[in-house]
Amino acid sequence: MSSVGLILITSAVVMAAVLVIMGYVLGSRFSYTNKLSSKNSKHYEEVAEKGRQQLEATIAEHVTFLQNDLRMTVSGMNGYMKEELGRTLQDEMKRYDISLAEMRKAAAAVVTQSQHRTEQQYKELKDQLAKSLMDEKQRRVHQLEENMTDIVSYYIQAAVGKRLELREQIPFIVADLQAEKASIIEDIKYGA
């Protein structure tokens, strides 16, 4: 229950108590005045009337005081609630900012990690491609080495044709080519 509710209940209880006391006092005065003799009764009625007026004025003054106090309390509670709501809102905004900063850090970490993985994959693919190209080059050079004698013989015979009998010269040509084999392979590899 809020402070305002407690104040309202307290005010209502005080008012009820004042009204009960006033009714008791006035009731006992009237019964007392009825018992008095008629000559004093006018005097007592005036005194009772004066007392009742003073009691009503006191009650009205206290009611006004309680109403003003209640207004001030409600005004104070409104200010307090505004401050508390403002403070709570600021706290929530701070938590939101912290949460947002943490999410940004996590997103940056994911992007960095993803970028690192992409670079790693690029390097691996580049290395694989270079190795594949080197393997293919070596396979072709090896194939050329294996078939070089037959290829060279074919082109020499085609060039010289029937004018010379190369069959007798082929062993000497092949021996010379075998001696220069390493140089020929280097020239083929590096394009000289």
N, C-alpha and C. Protein backbone atom coordinates (compact mmCIF):
# COMPACT_ATOMS: atom_id res chain seq x y z
N MET A 1 0.86 -1.17 0.00
CA MET A 1 0.00 0.00 0.00
C MET A 1 0.90 1.23 0.00
N SER A 2 0.55 2.25 -0.77
CA SER A 2 1.39 3.43 -0.89
C SER A 2 1.20 4.38 0.30
N SER A 3 2.11 5.33 0.39
CA SER A 3 2.06 6.32 1.48
C SER A 3 0.81 7.17 1.38
N VAL A 4 0.40 7.49 0.16
CA VAL A 4 -0.80 8.30 -0.04
C VAL A 4 -2.01 7.55 0.49
N GLY A 5 -2.10 6.27 0.23
CA GLY A 5 -3.22 5.46 0.72
C GLY A 5 -3.26 5.43 2.23
N LEU A 6 -2.08 5.29 2.85
CA LEU A 6 -2.02 5.29 4.33
C LEU A 6 -2.46 6.63 4.90
N ILE A 7 -2.06 7.70 4.25
CA ILE A 7 -2.44 9.03 4.73
C ILE A 7 -3.95 9.21 4.61
N LEU A 8 -4.54 8.78 3.52
CA LEU A 8 -5.99 8.90 3.34
C LEU A 8 -6.74 8.09 4.38
N ILE A 9 -6.29 6.90 4.64
CA ILE A 9 -6.96 6.06 5.65
C ILE A 9 -6.84 6.69 7.03
N THR A 10 -5.63 7.19 7.37
CA THR A 10 -5.42 7.83 8.67
C THR A 10 -6.31 9.06 8.81
N SER A 11 -6.40 9.84 7.75
CA SER A 11 -7.25 11.04 7.79
C SER A 11 -8.71 10.65 8.01
N ALA A 12 -9.16 9.63 7.34
CA ALA A 12 -10.55 9.19 7.49
C ALA A 12 -10.83 8.71 8.91
N VAL A 13 -9.87 7.98 9.48
CA VAL A 13 -10.04 7.48 10.85
C VAL A 13 -10.10 8.65 11.83
N VAL A 14 -9.21 9.63 11.67
CA VAL A 14 -9.18 10.80 12.56
C VAL A 14 -10.50 11.56 12.45
N MET A 15 -10.98 11.75 11.23
CA MET A 15 -12.25 12.47 11.02
C MET A 15 -13.40 11.72 11.69
N ALA A 16 -13.41 10.42 11.53
CA ALA A 16 -14.49 9.63 12.14
C ALA A 16 -14.43 9.75 13.67
N ALA A 17 -13.21 9.70 14.21
CA ALA A 17 -13.06 9.81 15.66
C ALA A 17 -13.53 11.18 16.15
N VAL A 18 -13.17 12.22 15.43
CA VAL A 18 -13.58 13.58 15.80
C VAL A 18 -15.10 13.68 15.79
N LEU A 19 -15.72 13.13 14.74
CA LEU A 19 -17.18 13.19 14.65
C LEU A 19 -17.86 12.41 15.78
N VAL A 20 -17.30 11.27 16.14
CA VAL A 20 -17.87 10.48 17.24
C VAL A 20 -17.75 11.24 18.55
N ILE A 21 -16.57 11.83 18.78
CA ILE A 21 -16.37 12.59 20.03
C ILE A 21 -17.31 13.79 20.07
N MET A 22 -17.43 14.47 18.94
CA MET A 22 -18.30 15.63 18.88
C MET A 22 -19.75 15.23 19.15
N GLY A 23 -20.18 14.14 18.56
CA GLY A 23 -21.55 13.67 18.80
C GLY A 23 -21.76 13.29 20.26
N TYR A 24 -20.76 12.66 20.87
CA TYR A 24 -20.87 12.27 22.28
C TYR A 24 -20.95 13.49 23.17
N VAL A 25 -20.05 14.46 22.91
CA VAL A 25 -20.02 15.67 23.74
C VAL A 25 -21.32 16.44 23.58
N LEU A 26 -21.76 16.61 22.35
CA LEU A 26 -22.98 17.37 22.13
C LEU A 26 -24.19 16.64 22.71
N GLY A 27 -24.21 15.32 22.54
CA GLY A 27 -25.33 14.54 23.08
C GLY A 27 -25.38 14.61 24.59
N SER A 28 -24.25 14.51 25.24
CA SER A 28 -24.25 14.56 26.71
C SER A 28 -24.57 15.97 27.19
N ARG A 29 -24.18 16.98 26.46
CA ARG A 29 -24.50 18.35 26.85
C ARG A 29 -25.99 18.59 26.75
N PHE A 30 -26.56 18.07 25.63
CA PHE A 30 -28.00 18.30 25.48
C PHE A 30 -28.79 17.55 26.55
N SER A 31 -28.34 16.34 26.85
CA SER A 31 -29.08 15.62 27.89
C SER A 31 -28.86 16.30 29.25
N TYR A 32 -27.67 16.86 29.45
CA TYR A 32 -27.39 17.56 30.69
C TYR A 32 -28.20 18.82 30.77
N THR A 33 -28.31 19.54 29.66
CA THR A 33 -29.09 20.77 29.65
C THR A 33 -30.56 20.52 29.85
N ASN A 34 -31.03 19.39 29.42
CA ASN A 34 -32.45 19.07 29.62
C ASN A 34 -32.73 18.86 31.11
N LYS A 35 -31.77 18.42 31.82
CA LYS A 35 -31.95 18.13 33.23
C LYS A 35 -31.89 19.41 34.07
N LEU A 36 -31.27 20.39 33.57
CA LEU A 36 -31.13 21.63 34.35
C LEU A 36 -32.47 22.35 34.46
N SER A 37 -32.48 23.14 35.35
CA SER A 37 -33.72 23.92 35.53
C SER A 37 -33.89 24.87 34.38
N SER A 38 -35.03 25.31 34.23
CA SER A 38 -35.37 26.15 33.10
C SER A 38 -34.70 27.50 33.19
N LYS A 39 -34.36 28.01 34.35
CA LYS A 39 -33.75 29.32 34.42
C LYS A 39 -32.30 29.25 34.00
N ASN A 40 -31.68 28.18 34.30
CA ASN A 40 -30.29 28.05 33.87
C ASN A 40 -30.18 27.47 32.46
N SER A 41 -31.27 26.98 31.99
CA SER A 41 -31.22 26.29 30.70
C SER A 41 -30.85 27.23 29.57
N LYS A 42 -31.31 28.49 29.63
CA LYS A 42 -30.95 29.41 28.57
C LYS A 42 -29.47 29.69 28.61
N HIS A 43 -28.94 29.87 29.74
CA HIS A 43 -27.51 30.13 29.88
C HIS A 43 -26.69 28.94 29.38
N TYR A 44 -27.12 27.79 29.77
CA TYR A 44 -26.40 26.58 29.35
C TYR A 44 -26.53 26.33 27.83
N GLU A 45 -27.66 26.69 27.29
CA GLU A 45 -27.85 26.54 25.85
C GLU A 45 -26.91 27.49 25.10
N GLU A 46 -26.73 28.67 25.63
CA GLU A 46 -25.81 29.61 24.99
C GLU A 46 -24.38 29.10 25.08
N VAL A 47 -24.04 28.61 26.27
CA VAL A 47 -22.69 28.07 26.46
C VAL A 47 -22.49 26.86 25.54
N ALA A 48 -23.51 25.99 25.45
CA ALA A 48 -23.42 24.81 24.60
C ALA A 48 -23.29 25.22 23.14
N GLU A 49 -24.03 26.24 22.76
CA GLU A 49 -23.97 26.72 21.37
C GLU A 49 -22.59 27.27 21.07
N LYS A 50 -22.03 28.04 22.02
CA LYS A 50 -20.70 28.59 21.86
C LYS A 50 -19.67 27.46 21.76
N GLY A 51 -19.81 26.46 22.61
CA GLY A 51 -18.89 25.32 22.60
C GLY A 51 -18.99 24.55 21.27
N ARG A 52 -20.23 24.38 20.82
CA ARG A 52 -20.43 23.67 19.56
C ARG A 52 -19.80 24.46 18.40
N GLN A 53 -19.94 25.76 18.39
CA GLN A 53 -19.37 26.59 17.33
C GLN A 53 -17.84 26.53 17.36
N GLN A 54 -17.29 26.59 18.59
CA GLN A 54 -15.83 26.50 18.72
C GLN A 54 -15.34 25.13 18.25
N LEU A 55 -16.11 24.08 18.62
CA LEU A 55 -15.73 22.72 18.21
C LEU A 55 -15.80 22.59 16.70
N GLU A 56 -16.85 23.13 16.08
CA GLU A 56 -16.98 23.09 14.63
C GLU A 56 -15.85 23.88 13.96
N ALA A 57 -15.48 25.03 14.53
CA ALA A 57 -14.40 25.83 13.96
C ALA A 57 -13.07 25.08 14.06
N THR A 58 -12.87 24.43 15.23
CA THR A 58 -11.64 23.65 15.43
C THR A 58 -11.58 22.49 14.44
N ILE A 59 -12.74 21.81 14.29
CA ILE A 59 -12.80 20.69 13.35
C ILE A 59 -12.55 21.18 11.93
N ALA A 60 -13.16 22.31 11.55
CA ALA A 60 -12.97 22.86 10.20
C ALA A 60 -11.51 23.24 9.98
N GLU A 61 -10.89 23.82 11.02
CA GLU A 61 -9.48 24.20 10.93
C GLU A 61 -8.61 22.95 10.74
N HIS A 62 -8.91 21.89 11.52
CA HIS A 62 -8.14 20.66 11.41
C HIS A 62 -8.38 19.97 10.06
N VAL A 63 -9.61 20.03 9.59
CA VAL A 63 -9.91 19.46 8.27
C VAL A 63 -9.12 20.20 7.20
N THR A 64 -9.09 21.52 7.28
CA THR A 64 -8.33 22.32 6.31
C THR A 64 -6.85 21.98 6.40
N PHE A 65 -6.36 21.87 7.65
CA PHE A 65 -4.96 21.51 7.85
C PHE A 65 -4.68 20.13 7.24
N LEU A 66 -5.55 19.17 7.48
CA LEU A 66 -5.36 17.82 6.94
C LEU A 66 -5.43 17.83 5.41
N GLN A 67 -6.35 18.64 4.85
CA GLN A 67 -6.45 18.72 3.39
C GLN A 67 -5.17 19.32 2.80
N ASN A 68 -4.66 20.38 3.42
CA ASN A 68 -3.41 20.99 2.93
C ASN A 68 -2.24 20.01 3.07
N ASP A 69 -2.19 19.33 4.21
CA ASP A 69 -1.14 18.35 4.42
C ASP A 69 -1.22 17.23 3.38
N LEU A 70 -2.44 16.80 3.10
CA LEU A 70 -2.66 15.75 2.11
C LEU A 70 -2.22 16.22 0.72
N ARG A 71 -2.56 17.47 0.37
CA ARG A 71 -2.15 18.02 -0.93
C ARG A 71 -0.62 18.07 -1.03
N MET A 72 0.01 18.54 0.03
CA MET A 72 1.47 18.62 0.03
C MET A 72 2.10 17.23 -0.08
N THR A 73 1.50 16.28 0.64
CA THR A 73 2.03 14.91 0.60
C THR A 73 1.88 14.33 -0.80
N VAL A 74 0.72 14.54 -1.42
CA VAL A 74 0.50 14.04 -2.78
C VAL A 74 1.47 14.72 -3.74
N SER A 75 1.68 16.03 -3.58
CA SER A 75 2.61 16.75 -4.44
C SER A 75 4.02 16.19 -4.26
N GLY A 76 4.42 15.98 -3.01
CA GLY A 76 5.74 15.40 -2.73
C GLY A 76 5.87 14.00 -3.32
N MET A 77 4.81 13.21 -3.21
CA MET A 77 4.84 11.86 -3.76
C MET A 77 4.96 11.91 -5.29
N ASN A 78 4.27 12.86 -5.90
CA ASN A 78 4.39 13.01 -7.36
C ASN A 78 5.82 13.33 -7.75
N GLY A 79 6.45 14.26 -7.03
CA GLY A 79 7.86 14.59 -7.31
C GLY A 79 8.76 13.40 -7.10
N TYR A 80 8.52 12.69 -6.01
CA TYR A 80 9.33 11.50 -5.70
C TYR A 80 9.17 10.44 -6.80
N MET A 81 7.93 10.22 -7.24
CA MET A 81 7.67 9.22 -8.28
C MET A 81 8.34 9.63 -9.59
N LYS A 82 8.30 10.93 -9.91
CA LYS A 82 8.96 11.40 -11.13
C LYS A 82 10.46 11.14 -11.04
N GLU A 83 11.07 11.44 -9.89
CA GLU A 83 12.50 11.20 -9.71
C GLU A 83 12.82 9.73 -9.84
N GLU A 84 12.03 8.89 -9.18
CA GLU A 84 12.27 7.44 -9.23
C GLU A 84 12.11 6.89 -10.64
N LEU A 85 11.07 7.35 -11.33
CA LEU A 85 10.87 6.89 -12.71
C LEU A 85 12.02 7.35 -13.60
N GLY A 86 12.46 8.59 -13.41
CA GLY A 86 13.60 9.11 -14.18
C GLY A 86 14.86 8.31 -13.90
N ARG A 87 15.12 8.03 -12.64
CA ARG A 87 16.30 7.26 -12.25
C ARG A 87 16.22 5.84 -12.82
N THR A 88 15.04 5.24 -12.71
CA THR A 88 14.86 3.88 -13.24
C THR A 88 15.07 3.87 -14.75
N LEU A 89 14.53 4.88 -15.43
CA LEU A 89 14.70 4.97 -16.88
C LEU A 89 16.18 5.14 -17.25
N GLN A 90 16.88 5.98 -16.49
CA GLN A 90 18.31 6.15 -16.75
C GLN A 90 19.07 4.85 -16.53
N ASP A 91 18.74 4.13 -15.47
CA ASP A 91 19.39 2.84 -15.20
C ASP A 91 19.14 1.85 -16.33
N GLU A 92 17.91 1.81 -16.80
CA GLU A 92 17.57 0.91 -17.90
C GLU A 92 18.31 1.31 -19.18
N MET A 93 18.44 2.61 -19.43
CA MET A 93 19.16 3.06 -20.61
C MET A 93 20.64 2.70 -20.51
N LYS A 94 21.22 2.81 -19.32
CA LYS A 94 22.62 2.41 -19.13
C LYS A 94 22.79 0.93 -19.41
N ARG A 95 21.87 0.11 -18.88
CA ARG A 95 21.94 -1.33 -19.14
C ARG A 95 21.77 -1.63 -20.62
N TYR A 96 20.89 -0.88 -21.28
CA TYR A 96 20.69 -1.07 -22.72
C TYR A 96 21.98 -0.71 -23.48
N ASP A 97 22.61 0.40 -23.10
CA ASP A 97 23.85 0.82 -23.76
C ASP A 97 24.94 -0.22 -23.55
N ILE A 98 25.05 -0.76 -22.33
CA ILE A 98 26.05 -1.79 -22.05
C ILE A 98 25.77 -3.03 -22.88
N SER A 99 24.52 -3.43 -22.93
CA SER A 99 24.13 -4.60 -23.71
C SER A 99 24.43 -4.40 -25.18
N LEU A 100 24.12 -3.20 -25.68
CA LEU A 100 24.38 -2.89 -27.08
C LEU A 100 25.89 -2.92 -27.37
N ALA A 101 26.69 -2.38 -26.46
CA ALA A 101 28.15 -2.39 -26.63
C ALA A 101 28.67 -3.83 -26.65
N GLU A 102 28.13 -4.67 -25.78
CA GLU A 102 28.54 -6.08 -25.76
C GLU A 102 28.17 -6.78 -27.05
N MET A 103 26.97 -6.48 -27.57
CA MET A 103 26.56 -7.09 -28.84
C MET A 103 27.46 -6.62 -29.99
N ARG A 104 27.85 -5.34 -29.95
CA ARG A 104 28.74 -4.83 -31.00
C ARG A 104 30.10 -5.52 -30.92
N LYS A 105 30.61 -5.71 -29.70
CA LYS A 105 31.89 -6.40 -29.54
C LYS A 105 31.79 -7.82 -30.07
N ALA A 106 30.69 -8.50 -29.73
CA ALA A 106 30.51 -9.88 -30.19
C ALA A 106 30.42 -9.93 -31.71
N ALA A 107 29.69 -8.98 -32.30
CA ALA A 107 29.57 -8.94 -33.76
C ALA A 107 30.93 -8.66 -34.41
N ALA A 108 31.70 -7.75 -33.83
CA ALA A 108 33.03 -7.45 -34.36
C ALA A 108 33.93 -8.67 -34.26
N ALA A 109 33.82 -9.40 -33.15
CA ALA A 109 34.63 -10.62 -32.98
C ALA A 109 34.24 -11.66 -34.03
N VAL A 110 32.94 -11.80 -34.30
CA VAL A 110 32.48 -12.76 -35.31
C VAL A 110 32.99 -12.35 -36.68
N VAL A 111 32.91 -11.05 -37.00
CA VAL A 111 33.39 -10.57 -38.30
C VAL A 111 34.89 -10.81 -38.43
N THR A 112 35.65 -10.50 -37.38
CA THR A 112 37.10 -10.71 -37.40
C THR A 112 37.42 -12.18 -37.57
N GLN A 113 36.73 -13.02 -36.83
CA GLN A 113 36.95 -14.46 -36.92
C GLN A 113 36.60 -14.97 -38.31
N SER A 114 35.50 -14.49 -38.85
CA SER A 114 35.08 -14.89 -40.20
C SER A 114 36.10 -14.43 -41.24
N GLN A 115 36.59 -13.22 -41.08
CA GLN A 115 37.59 -12.69 -42.00
C GLN A 115 38.87 -13.52 -41.92
N HIS A 116 39.26 -13.89 -40.71
CA HIS A 116 40.46 -14.71 -40.52
C HIS A 116 40.28 -16.06 -41.20
N ARG A 117 39.09 -16.67 -41.02
CA ARG A 117 38.83 -17.97 -41.65
C ARG A 117 38.85 -17.85 -43.17
N THR A 118 38.27 -16.76 -43.69
CA THR A 118 38.26 -16.55 -45.14
C THR A 118 39.68 -16.41 -45.67
N GLU A 119 40.51 -15.64 -44.98
CA GLU A 119 41.91 -15.48 -45.39
C GLU A 119 42.64 -16.82 -45.33
N GLN A 120 42.37 -17.60 -44.29
CA GLN A 120 42.99 -18.92 -44.15
C GLN A 120 42.59 -19.82 -45.32
N GLN A 121 41.28 -19.82 -45.65
CA GLN A 121 40.80 -20.65 -46.76
C GLN A 121 41.40 -20.18 -48.08
N TYR A 122 41.51 -18.86 -48.26
CA TYR A 122 42.11 -18.31 -49.48
C TYR A 122 43.55 -18.79 -49.61
N LYS A 123 44.29 -18.73 -48.51
CA LYS A 123 45.69 -19.18 -48.52
C LYS A 123 45.77 -20.66 -48.83
N GLU A 124 44.89 -21.46 -48.21
CA GLU A 124 44.90 -22.90 -48.46
C GLU A 124 44.58 -23.20 -49.92
N LEU A 125 43.55 -22.51 -50.47
CA LEU A 125 43.20 -22.71 -51.88
C LEU A 125 44.34 -22.29 -52.81
N LYS A 126 44.98 -21.17 -52.48
CA LYS A 126 46.10 -20.69 -53.29
C LYS A 126 47.23 -21.71 -53.27
N ASP A 127 47.54 -22.23 -52.07
CA ASP A 127 48.60 -23.24 -51.95
C ASP A 127 48.23 -24.51 -52.71
N GLN A 128 46.95 -24.92 -52.61
CA GLN A 128 46.51 -26.12 -53.33
C GLN A 128 46.63 -25.92 -54.84
N LEU A 129 46.21 -24.74 -55.32
CA LEU A 129 46.29 -24.46 -56.74
C LEU A 129 47.74 -24.45 -57.21
N ALA A 130 48.61 -23.81 -56.44
CA ALA A 130 50.04 -23.78 -56.80
C ALA A 130 50.60 -25.20 -56.84
N LYS A 131 50.23 -26.01 -55.85
CA LYS A 131 50.72 -27.40 -55.82
C LYS A 131 50.17 -28.19 -57.00
N SER A 132 48.87 -27.98 -57.32
CA SER A 132 48.28 -28.68 -58.47
C SER A 132 48.98 -28.29 -59.77
N LEU A 133 49.24 -26.98 -59.93
CA LEU A 133 49.94 -26.52 -61.13
C LEU A 133 51.34 -27.09 -61.21
N MET A 134 52.02 -27.12 -60.08
CA MET A 134 53.38 -27.67 -60.06
C MET A 134 53.35 -29.16 -60.37
N ASP A 135 52.38 -29.87 -59.80
CA ASP A 135 52.25 -31.31 -60.07
C ASP A 135 51.98 -31.56 -61.55
N GLU A 136 51.07 -30.75 -62.12
CA GLU A 136 50.75 -30.91 -63.55
C GLU A 136 51.96 -30.60 -64.41
N LYS A 137 52.71 -29.56 -64.05
CA LYS A 137 53.91 -29.20 -64.81
C LYS A 137 54.93 -30.33 -64.75
N GLN A 138 55.12 -30.87 -63.54
CA GLN A 138 56.08 -31.97 -63.38
C GLN A 138 55.62 -33.21 -64.14
N ARG A 139 54.30 -33.46 -64.14
CA ARG A 139 53.79 -34.62 -64.87
C ARG A 139 54.06 -34.46 -66.37
N ARG A 140 53.83 -33.24 -66.87
CA ARG A 140 54.05 -33.01 -68.30
C ARG A 140 55.53 -33.08 -68.66
N VAL A 141 56.38 -32.53 -67.79
CA VAL A 141 57.83 -32.61 -68.03
C VAL A 141 58.28 -34.07 -68.01
N HIS A 142 57.77 -34.81 -67.05
CA HIS A 142 58.13 -36.24 -66.96
C HIS A 142 57.65 -36.99 -68.21
N GLN A 143 56.45 -36.67 -68.66
CA GLN A 143 55.90 -37.30 -69.86
C GLN A 143 56.77 -36.93 -71.07
N LEU A 144 57.21 -35.66 -71.14
CA LEU A 144 58.06 -35.22 -72.23
C LEU A 144 59.40 -35.94 -72.18
N GLU A 145 59.95 -36.06 -70.95
CA GLU A 145 61.22 -36.79 -70.81
C GLU A 145 61.10 -38.21 -71.31
N GLU A 146 60.00 -38.84 -70.98
CA GLU A 146 59.79 -40.25 -71.35
C GLU A 146 59.67 -40.40 -72.87
N ASN A 147 59.02 -39.45 -73.51
CA ASN A 147 58.73 -39.59 -74.94
C ASN A 147 59.62 -38.72 -75.82
N MET A 148 60.60 -38.05 -75.25
CA MET A 148 61.41 -37.11 -76.00
C MET A 148 62.17 -37.80 -77.13
N THR A 149 62.72 -38.92 -76.91
CA THR A 149 63.50 -39.61 -77.95
C THR A 149 62.63 -39.90 -79.16
N ASP A 150 61.45 -40.43 -78.91
CA ASP A 150 60.55 -40.75 -80.01
C ASP A 150 60.10 -39.49 -80.73
N ILE A 151 59.80 -38.43 -79.97
CA ILE A 151 59.31 -37.18 -80.57
C ILE A 151 60.39 -36.55 -81.44
N VAL A 152 61.60 -36.44 -80.90
CA VAL A 152 62.72 -35.82 -81.64
C VAL A 152 63.03 -36.65 -82.89
N SER A 153 63.04 -37.97 -82.74
CA SER A 153 63.33 -38.85 -83.89
C SER A 153 62.29 -38.65 -84.98
N TYR A 154 61.05 -38.54 -84.59
CA TYR A 154 59.98 -38.37 -85.56
C TYR A 154 60.17 -37.08 -86.34
N TYR A 155 60.47 -35.96 -85.64
CA TYR A 155 60.61 -34.68 -86.32
C TYR A 155 61.90 -34.61 -87.16
N ILE A 156 62.92 -35.24 -86.68
CA ILE A 156 64.17 -35.24 -87.49
C ILE A 156 63.94 -36.03 -88.78
N GLN A 157 63.32 -37.17 -88.66
CA GLN A 157 63.06 -37.98 -89.86
C GLN A 157 62.13 -37.24 -90.80
N ALA A 158 61.14 -36.56 -90.24
CA ALA A 158 60.22 -35.83 -91.09
C ALA A 158 60.95 -34.69 -91.80
N ALA A 159 61.89 -34.04 -91.13
CA ALA A 159 62.63 -32.92 -91.72
C ALA A 159 63.63 -33.39 -92.76
N VAL A 160 64.37 -34.39 -92.44
CA VAL A 160 65.42 -34.85 -93.33
C VAL A 160 64.80 -35.72 -94.44
N GLY A 161 63.83 -36.45 -94.05
CA GLY A 161 63.10 -37.25 -95.03
C GLY A 161 63.89 -38.43 -95.54
N LYS A 162 63.75 -38.68 -96.84
CA LYS A 162 64.34 -39.87 -97.44
C LYS A 162 65.75 -39.60 -97.93
N ARG A 163 66.26 -38.42 -97.82
CA ARG A 163 67.57 -38.11 -98.33
C ARG A 163 68.66 -38.79 -97.55
N LEU A 164 68.46 -38.90 -96.26
CA LEU A 164 69.50 -39.54 -95.44
C LEU A 164 68.89 -40.74 -94.75
N GLU A 165 69.71 -41.62 -94.52
CA GLU A 165 69.27 -42.79 -93.75
C GLU A 165 69.66 -42.50 -92.31
N LEU A 166 68.69 -42.15 -91.51
CA LEU A 166 68.94 -41.75 -90.14
C LEU A 166 68.93 -42.92 -89.18
N ARG A 167 68.46 -43.99 -89.58
CA ARG A 167 68.38 -45.12 -88.67
C ARG A 167 69.75 -45.44 -88.11
N GLU A 168 70.75 -45.32 -88.91
CA GLU A 168 72.11 -45.60 -88.44
C GLU A 168 72.61 -44.47 -87.54
N GLN A 169 72.12 -43.21 -87.73
CA GLN A 169 72.57 -42.06 -86.96
C GLN A 169 71.80 -41.86 -85.65
N ILE A 170 70.64 -42.44 -85.55
CA ILE A 170 69.76 -42.23 -84.39
C ILE A 170 70.47 -42.57 -83.08
N PRO A 171 71.19 -43.68 -82.94
CA PRO A 171 71.83 -43.93 -81.64
C PRO A 171 72.77 -42.80 -81.23
N PHE A 172 73.49 -42.20 -82.19
CA PHE A 172 74.41 -41.10 -81.85
C PHE A 172 73.64 -39.84 -81.46
N ILE A 173 72.57 -39.56 -82.18
CA ILE A 173 71.74 -38.38 -81.89
C ILE A 173 71.10 -38.54 -80.51
N VAL A 174 70.58 -39.74 -80.23
CA VAL A 174 69.93 -40.00 -78.94
C VAL A 174 70.95 -39.86 -77.82
N ALA A 175 72.18 -40.36 -78.02
CA ALA A 175 73.21 -40.25 -77.00
C ALA A 175 73.52 -38.78 -76.72
N ASP A 176 73.62 -37.96 -77.77
CA ASP A 176 73.87 -36.52 -77.58
C ASP A 176 72.70 -35.85 -76.85
N LEU A 177 71.49 -36.24 -77.25
CA LEU A 177 70.32 -35.67 -76.59
C LEU A 177 70.26 -36.10 -75.12
N GLN A 178 70.60 -37.34 -74.84
CA GLN A 178 70.61 -37.83 -73.45
C GLN A 178 71.63 -37.04 -72.63
N ALA A 179 72.74 -36.72 -73.21
CA ALA A 179 73.77 -35.94 -72.51
C ALA A 179 73.26 -34.53 -72.22
N GLU A 180 72.47 -33.96 -73.09
CA GLU A 180 71.92 -32.61 -72.93
C GLU A 180 70.53 -32.62 -72.30
N LYS A 181 70.09 -33.76 -71.86
CA LYS A 181 68.73 -33.93 -71.34
C LYS A 181 68.43 -32.93 -70.21
N ALA A 182 69.30 -32.78 -69.23
CA ALA A 182 69.08 -31.88 -68.09
C ALA A 182 68.94 -30.44 -68.58
N SER A 183 69.77 -30.03 -69.53
CA SER A 183 69.71 -28.66 -70.05
C SER A 183 68.41 -28.44 -70.80
N ILE A 184 68.00 -29.43 -71.59
CA ILE A 184 66.76 -29.33 -72.36
C ILE A 184 65.57 -29.20 -71.40
N ILE A 185 65.56 -30.00 -70.33
CA ILE A 185 64.46 -29.96 -69.35
C ILE A 185 64.42 -28.60 -68.67
N GLU A 186 65.55 -28.06 -68.30
CA GLU A 186 65.61 -26.73 -67.67
C GLU A 186 65.06 -25.67 -68.64
N ASP A 187 65.45 -25.78 -69.91
CA ASP A 187 64.97 -24.82 -70.91
C ASP A 187 63.44 -24.92 -71.05
N ILE A 188 62.92 -26.13 -71.00
CA ILE A 188 61.47 -26.33 -71.12
C ILE A 188 60.75 -25.77 -69.88
N LYS A 189 61.33 -26.05 -68.71
CA LYS A 189 60.70 -25.59 -67.45
C LYS A 189 60.65 -24.07 -67.38
N TYR A 190 61.73 -23.42 -67.72
CA TYR A 190 61.81 -21.97 -67.51
C TYR A 190 61.66 -21.16 -68.80
N GLY A 191 61.31 -21.85 -69.86
CA GLY A 191 60.96 -21.17 -71.10
C GLY A 191 62.12 -20.51 -71.80
N ALA A 192 63.31 -21.05 -71.75
CA ALA A 192 64.48 -20.44 -72.43
C ALA A 192 64.55 -20.85 -73.87
